[in-house]
Amino acid sequence: MNSLVPKKIFFTKGVGTHKEELHSFELALRDAGIEKCNLVQVSSILPPGCKVISQGMGLKELKAGSITYCVLSRCSSNEPRRLLAASIGCAIPTDRNAYGYISEYHAFGQTERQAGDHAEDLAAAMLASTLGIDFNIDESWDEKKEIFKISGKIVSTRNITQSSIVKNGGHTTVIAVAVFLF
């Protein structure tokens, strides 16, 4: 059986505003550079050995109309002055033969930093649990970094987050996306 295992991943984000919610989503996809793809949402596993590449390099590899696998976070509203955030968190293990985790998180009323930190926390907590590391998601970031150093099992965490405030007269959609490449 032939398995589809992505070799590369890149992260992108976008925001769109329009009177129609669907069109605001399309504009967010366009802002992120992935509007030409047929997106297939998948869950939270970063394959072993999957290389993180830049957004610019990743966007160059996409072809119009291609089936494109991704982890997508999306938040939309038409409530004026509402703060929206969409975030993707990623936790990558030291052992390149092990898999990592990707989390998607969206929220109302959270800043980009708050949502991004939470998405990272979620991904790190999922990875830590599979590695048998005692991990308390409610501890501060500095304490978590110390746990990562002690364990020697988590090499890095990251996030990409888009936030925006809804303007009067339409829908705003924010997205954050991890895009897989083969």
C-alpha atoms as a PDB file:
ATOM      1  CA  MET A   1       0.000   0.000   0.000  1.00  0.00           C
ATOM      2  CA  ASN A   2       1.302   3.428  -0.937  1.00  0.00           C
ATOM      3  CA  SER A   3       1.184   5.948   1.903  1.00  0.00           C
ATOM      4  CA  LEU A   4       0.902   9.672   1.449  1.00  0.00           C
ATOM      5  CA  VAL A   5       3.489  11.020   3.868  1.00  0.00           C
ATOM      6  CA  PRO A   6       4.366  14.696   3.463  1.00  0.00           C
ATOM      7  CA  LYS A   7       8.064  15.525   3.135  1.00  0.00           C
ATOM      8  CA  LYS A   8       7.733  19.289   3.726  1.00  0.00           C
ATOM      9  CA  ILE A   9       5.508  21.737   5.557  1.00  0.00           C
ATOM     10  CA  PHE A  10       5.128  25.504   5.553  1.00  0.00           C
ATOM     11  CA  PHE A  11       3.020  27.922   7.556  1.00  0.00           C
ATOM     12  CA  THR A  12       0.950  30.812   6.260  1.00  0.00           C
ATOM     13  CA  LYS A  13      -1.808  33.132   7.444  1.00  0.00           C
ATOM     14  CA  GLY A  14      -4.308  35.616   6.073  1.00  0.00           C
ATOM     15  CA  VAL A  15      -7.223  37.935   6.707  1.00  0.00           C
ATOM     16  CA  GLY A  16     -10.164  38.879   4.503  1.00  0.00           C
ATOM     17  CA  THR A  17     -13.095  41.259   4.834  1.00  0.00           C
ATOM     18  CA  HIS A  18     -16.248  41.297   2.690  1.00  0.00           C
ATOM     19  CA  LYS A  19     -20.013  41.683   3.080  1.00  0.00           C
ATOM     20  CA  GLU A  20     -20.375  37.916   2.478  1.00  0.00           C
ATOM     21  CA  GLU A  21     -18.714  35.466   4.905  1.00  0.00           C
ATOM     22  CA  LEU A  22     -17.696  33.012   2.175  1.00  0.00           C
ATOM     23  CA  HIS A  23     -16.063  35.782   0.176  1.00  0.00           C
ATOM     24  CA  SER A  24     -14.189  37.001   3.272  1.00  0.00           C
ATOM     25  CA  PHE A  25     -12.833  33.440   3.642  1.00  0.00           C
ATOM     26  CA  GLU A  26     -11.746  33.444  -0.019  1.00  0.00           C
ATOM     27  CA  LEU A  27      -9.963  36.768   0.530  1.00  0.00           C
ATOM     28  CA  ALA A  28      -8.211  35.345   3.612  1.00  0.00           C
ATOM     29  CA  LEU A  29      -7.061  32.365   1.521  1.00  0.00           C
ATOM     30  CA  ARG A  30      -5.819  34.804  -1.135  1.00  0.00           C
ATOM     31  CA  ASP A  31      -3.976  36.841   1.504  1.00  0.00           C
ATOM     32  CA  ALA A  32      -2.309  33.603   2.655  1.00  0.00           C
ATOM     33  CA  GLY A  33      -1.419  32.696  -0.945  1.00  0.00           C
ATOM     34  CA  ILE A  34      -3.342  29.396  -1.035  1.00  0.00           C
ATOM     35  CA  GLU A  35      -6.593  30.379  -2.760  1.00  0.00           C
ATOM     36  CA  LYS A  36      -5.723  28.405  -5.898  1.00  0.00           C
ATOM     37  CA  CYS A  37      -5.678  25.049  -4.059  1.00  0.00           C
ATOM     38  CA  ASN A  38      -8.371  22.519  -3.211  1.00  0.00           C
ATOM     39  CA  LEU A  39      -7.770  22.279   0.510  1.00  0.00           C
ATOM     40  CA  VAL A  40      -8.259  19.040   2.414  1.00  0.00           C
ATOM     41  CA  GLN A  41      -8.182  19.499   6.161  1.00  0.00           C
ATOM     42  CA  VAL A  42      -6.308  16.876   8.138  1.00  0.00           C
ATOM     43  CA  SER A  43      -5.661  16.446  11.825  1.00  0.00           C
ATOM     44  CA  SER A  44      -2.688  17.018  14.015  1.00  0.00           C
ATOM     45  CA  ILE A  45       0.328  14.856  13.146  1.00  0.00           C
ATOM     46  CA  LEU A  46       3.625  16.281  11.854  1.00  0.00           C
ATOM     47  CA  PRO A  47       5.186  13.316  10.021  1.00  0.00           C
ATOM     48  CA  PRO A  48       8.635  12.064  11.052  1.00  0.00           C
ATOM     49  CA  GLY A  49      11.383  13.858   9.127  1.00  0.00           C
ATOM     50  CA  CYS A  50       8.999  16.451   7.659  1.00  0.00           C
ATOM     51  CA  LYS A  51      11.090  19.516   6.822  1.00  0.00           C
ATOM     52  CA  VAL A  52       9.808  22.986   7.727  1.00  0.00           C
ATOM     53  CA  ILE A  53      10.355  25.359   4.796  1.00  0.00           C
ATOM     54  CA  SER A  54       9.654  29.059   4.348  1.00  0.00           C
ATOM     55  CA  GLN A  55       6.290  30.350   3.199  1.00  0.00           C
ATOM     56  CA  GLY A  56       7.894  31.720   0.038  1.00  0.00           C
ATOM     57  CA  MET A  57       9.448  28.376  -0.878  1.00  0.00           C
ATOM     58  CA  GLY A  58       6.221  26.527  -0.101  1.00  0.00           C
ATOM     59  CA  LEU A  59       3.990  28.823  -2.122  1.00  0.00           C
ATOM     60  CA  LYS A  60       6.247  28.314  -5.165  1.00  0.00           C
ATOM     61  CA  GLU A  61       5.579  24.559  -5.034  1.00  0.00           C
ATOM     62  CA  LEU A  62       1.774  24.870  -5.145  1.00  0.00           C
ATOM     63  CA  LYS A  63      -0.045  24.288  -8.415  1.00  0.00           C
ATOM     64  CA  ALA A  64      -3.463  25.722  -9.259  1.00  0.00           C
ATOM     65  CA  GLY A  65      -6.235  23.207  -8.635  1.00  0.00           C
ATOM     66  CA  SER A  66      -4.070  20.750  -6.732  1.00  0.00           C
ATOM     67  CA  ILE A  67      -5.439  18.730  -3.831  1.00  0.00           C
ATOM     68  CA  THR A  68      -3.561  20.273  -0.910  1.00  0.00           C
ATOM     69  CA  TYR A  69      -3.512  18.798   2.572  1.00  0.00           C
ATOM     70  CA  CYS A  70      -3.405  21.228   5.462  1.00  0.00           C
ATOM     71  CA  VAL A  71      -4.202  21.881   9.092  1.00  0.00           C
ATOM     72  CA  LEU A  72      -6.443  24.969   9.066  1.00  0.00           C
ATOM     73  CA  SER A  73      -7.612  27.268  11.831  1.00  0.00           C
ATOM     74  CA  ARG A  74     -10.383  29.707  10.905  1.00  0.00           C
ATOM     75  CA  CYS A  75     -12.356  32.334  12.788  1.00  0.00           C
ATOM     76  CA  SER A  76     -15.022  34.608  11.318  1.00  0.00           C
ATOM     77  CA  SER A  77     -17.523  37.185  12.527  1.00  0.00           C
ATOM     78  CA  ASN A  78     -19.558  40.164  11.401  1.00  0.00           C
ATOM     79  CA  GLU A  79     -19.863  41.678  14.891  1.00  0.00           C
ATOM     80  CA  PRO A  80     -18.246  45.155  14.713  1.00  0.00           C
ATOM     81  CA  ARG A  81     -15.138  45.670  16.883  1.00  0.00           C
ATOM     82  CA  ARG A  82     -14.880  41.932  17.667  1.00  0.00           C
ATOM     83  CA  LEU A  83     -11.273  40.718  18.017  1.00  0.00           C
ATOM     84  CA  LEU A  84     -10.653  37.476  16.092  1.00  0.00           C
ATOM     85  CA  ALA A  85      -7.649  35.158  16.193  1.00  0.00           C
ATOM     86  CA  ALA A  86      -6.722  31.955  14.351  1.00  0.00           C
ATOM     87  CA  SER A  87      -3.546  30.087  15.215  1.00  0.00           C
ATOM     88  CA  ILE A  88      -1.565  26.972  14.355  1.00  0.00           C
ATOM     89  CA  GLY A  89       0.895  25.597  16.911  1.00  0.00           C
ATOM     90  CA  CYS A  90       3.608  23.051  16.173  1.00  0.00           C
ATOM     91  CA  ALA A  91       5.791  20.897  18.432  1.00  0.00           C
ATOM     92  CA  ILE A  92       8.744  19.091  16.837  1.00  0.00           C
ATOM     93  CA  PRO A  93      10.541  16.283  18.703  1.00  0.00           C
ATOM     94  CA  THR A  94      14.318  16.014  18.845  1.00  0.00           C
ATOM     95  CA  ASP A  95      14.173  12.515  17.380  1.00  0.00           C
ATOM     96  CA  ARG A  96      13.562  13.069  13.646  1.00  0.00           C
ATOM     97  CA  ASN A  97      12.184   9.509  13.413  1.00  0.00           C
ATOM     98  CA  ALA A  98       9.370  10.441  15.790  1.00  0.00           C
ATOM     99  CA  TYR A  99       6.266  12.369  14.821  1.00  0.00           C
ATOM    100  CA  GLY A 100       5.319  15.792  16.146  1.00  0.00           C
ATOM    101  CA  TYR A 101       2.035  17.562  16.691  1.00  0.00           C
ATOM    102  CA  ILE A 102       0.186  20.426  15.069  1.00  0.00           C
ATOM    103  CA  SER A 103      -2.666  22.182  16.845  1.00  0.00           C
ATOM    104  CA  GLU A 104      -5.327  24.476  15.490  1.00  0.00           C
ATOM    105  CA  TYR A 105      -6.867  27.075  17.749  1.00  0.00           C
ATOM    106  CA  HIS A 106      -9.224  29.990  17.200  1.00  0.00           C
ATOM    107  CA  ALA A 107     -10.675  32.485  19.650  1.00  0.00           C
ATOM    108  CA  PHE A 108     -12.620  35.677  20.106  1.00  0.00           C
ATOM    109  CA  GLY A 109     -11.166  38.440  22.281  1.00  0.00           C
ATOM    110  CA  GLN A 110      -7.581  37.156  22.343  1.00  0.00           C
ATOM    111  CA  THR A 111      -4.559  38.951  20.990  1.00  0.00           C
ATOM    112  CA  GLU A 112      -2.269  37.377  18.428  1.00  0.00           C
ATOM    113  CA  ARG A 113       0.264  36.622  21.154  1.00  0.00           C
ATOM    114  CA  GLN A 114      -2.280  35.040  23.518  1.00  0.00           C
ATOM    115  CA  ALA A 115      -3.742  32.809  20.808  1.00  0.00           C
ATOM    116  CA  GLY A 116      -0.299  31.890  19.465  1.00  0.00           C
ATOM    117  CA  ASP A 117       1.034  30.957  22.884  1.00  0.00           C
ATOM    118  CA  HIS A 118      -2.048  28.827  23.540  1.00  0.00           C
ATOM    119  CA  ALA A 119      -1.751  27.018  20.192  1.00  0.00           C
ATOM    120  CA  GLU A 120       1.916  26.272  20.941  1.00  0.00           C
ATOM    121  CA  ASP A 121       0.966  25.039  24.414  1.00  0.00           C
ATOM    122  CA  LEU A 122      -1.637  22.682  22.932  1.00  0.00           C
ATOM    123  CA  ALA A 123       0.823  21.177  20.437  1.00  0.00           C
ATOM    124  CA  ALA A 124       3.542  20.818  23.072  1.00  0.00           C
ATOM    125  CA  ALA A 125       1.142  19.190  25.530  1.00  0.00           C
ATOM    126  CA  MET A 126       0.023  16.627  22.932  1.00  0.00           C
ATOM    127  CA  LEU A 127       3.638  15.804  22.045  1.00  0.00           C
ATOM    128  CA  ALA A 128       4.723  15.657  25.685  1.00  0.00           C
ATOM    129  CA  SER A 129       1.942  13.194  26.517  1.00  0.00           C
ATOM    130  CA  THR A 130       3.069  10.783  23.771  1.00  0.00           C
ATOM    131  CA  LEU A 131       6.678  11.042  24.989  1.00  0.00           C
ATOM    132  CA  GLY A 132       5.708  10.379  28.599  1.00  0.00           C
ATOM    133  CA  ILE A 133       6.762  13.851  29.771  1.00  0.00           C
ATOM    134  CA  ASP A 134       4.782  15.345  32.653  1.00  0.00           C
ATOM    135  CA  PHE A 135       3.517  18.608  31.179  1.00  0.00           C
ATOM    136  CA  ASN A 136       1.220  21.148  32.802  1.00  0.00           C
ATOM    137  CA  ILE A 137      -0.340  23.393  30.178  1.00  0.00           C
ATOM    138  CA  ASP A 138      -1.202  25.993  32.855  1.00  0.00           C
ATOM    139  CA  GLU A 139       2.429  26.738  33.752  1.00  0.00           C
ATOM    140  CA  SER A 140       4.122  29.829  32.402  1.00  0.00           C
ATOM    141  CA  TRP A 141       6.076  29.753  29.141  1.00  0.00           C
ATOM    142  CA  ASP A 142       9.450  30.065  30.880  1.00  0.00           C
ATOM    143  CA  GLU A 143       8.696  27.084  33.087  1.00  0.00           C
ATOM    144  CA  LYS A 144       7.730  25.053  30.034  1.00  0.00           C
ATOM    145  CA  LYS A 145      10.956  25.986  28.271  1.00  0.00           C
ATOM    146  CA  GLU A 146      12.854  24.693  31.296  1.00  0.00           C
ATOM    147  CA  ILE A 147      10.926  21.406  31.155  1.00  0.00           C
ATOM    148  CA  PHE A 148      11.788  21.103  27.469  1.00  0.00           C
ATOM    149  CA  LYS A 149      15.517  21.584  28.261  1.00  0.00           C
ATOM    150  CA  ILE A 150      15.449  19.044  31.052  1.00  0.00           C
ATOM    151  CA  SER A 151      13.588  16.422  29.047  1.00  0.00           C
ATOM    152  CA  GLY A 152      15.806  16.800  25.979  1.00  0.00           C
ATOM    153  CA  LYS A 153      12.927  15.385  23.971  1.00  0.00           C
ATOM    154  CA  ILE A 154      11.283  18.476  22.506  1.00  0.00           C
ATOM    155  CA  VAL A 155      13.476  20.508  20.204  1.00  0.00           C
ATOM    156  CA  SER A 156      11.161  23.330  19.263  1.00  0.00           C
ATOM    157  CA  THR A 157       7.695  24.785  19.285  1.00  0.00           C
ATOM    158  CA  ARG A 158       6.341  27.481  17.023  1.00  0.00           C
ATOM    159  CA  ASN A 159       3.129  29.119  15.974  1.00  0.00           C
ATOM    160  CA  ILE A 160       1.672  31.217  13.221  1.00  0.00           C
ATOM    161  CA  THR A 161      -1.248  33.415  14.174  1.00  0.00           C
ATOM    162  CA  GLN A 162      -3.492  35.942  12.446  1.00  0.00           C
ATOM    163  CA  SER A 163      -5.719  38.351  14.314  1.00  0.00           C
ATOM    164  CA  SER A 164      -7.963  41.181  13.212  1.00  0.00           C
ATOM    165  CA  ILE A 165     -10.734  43.408  14.482  1.00  0.00           C
ATOM    166  CA  VAL A 166     -14.046  43.238  12.612  1.00  0.00           C
ATOM    167  CA  LYS A 167     -14.932  46.467  10.824  1.00  0.00           C
ATOM    168  CA  ASN A 168     -18.467  47.777  10.372  1.00  0.00           C
ATOM    169  CA  GLY A 169     -20.492  46.490   7.451  1.00  0.00           C
ATOM    170  CA  GLY A 170     -19.217  43.018   6.729  1.00  0.00           C
ATOM    171  CA  HIS A 171     -17.588  39.777   7.724  1.00  0.00           C
ATOM    172  CA  THR A 172     -13.953  39.371   8.647  1.00  0.00           C
ATOM    173  CA  THR A 173     -12.238  35.986   8.482  1.00  0.00           C
ATOM    174  CA  VAL A 174      -8.781  35.171   9.826  1.00  0.00           C
ATOM    175  CA  ILE A 175      -6.922  31.960   9.027  1.00  0.00           C
ATOM    176  CA  ALA A 176      -3.690  30.269  10.027  1.00  0.00           C
ATOM    177  CA  VAL A 177      -2.590  27.233   8.031  1.00  0.00           C
ATOM    178  CA  ALA A 178       0.056  24.507   8.057  1.00  0.00           C
ATOM    179  CA  VAL A 179       0.390  23.305   4.443  1.00  0.00           C
ATOM    180  CA  PHE A 180       1.836  19.873   3.623  1.00  0.00           C
ATOM    181  CA  LEU A 181       3.909  19.203   0.511  1.00  0.00           C
ATOM    182  CA  PHE A 182       4.900  15.835  -0.982  1.00  0.00           C
END
